Amino acid sequence: QVQLIESGGGLVQAGDSMRLSCLDSGRTFSVYRMAWFRQAPGKEREFVASIDWSGGSGDYADSVKGRFTISRDNAKNTVYLRMNSLKAEDTAVYYCARRNNMAGGGNSIESAYDYWGQGTQVTVSS
């Protein structure tokens, strides 16, 4: 059974930076696209960023473009989300997800991902 384990969340001030990590317990991490989603209080979960299997191609939500960077280390089965210039509106529970390679739909669609982490809380104080 694959497990995704996020870490790195916490409380920061607006303008600060933070890096989230997600460890994939599976054996074939390197063949899957990975993504980060987030859910703010009272809102639906939304796409943040995704990265292809090689780490060479990432895509981002407009709200984080230029501030967040997704990366991966296939040797460590880990995907990262570097968040700079954090804003109060970035406050949310952040989830990593592993894409189902057989699923249709775009990279920002939740239903395309079949494994999810438990989430890590990021709180940005203004």
Foldseek 3Di string as FASTA:
>chain_A
DKAKAKDWADEEAAQAKTKMKIAIPDDPLLQWKKFKWWDDPPGDIWGAKIAGSVQPDMDGDPVQPPFWDWGDDVVRRMIMIIGGRDDQVVWTWMKMFTFDPPDDDDPTDPVRTDYMHPTDTHGYHD
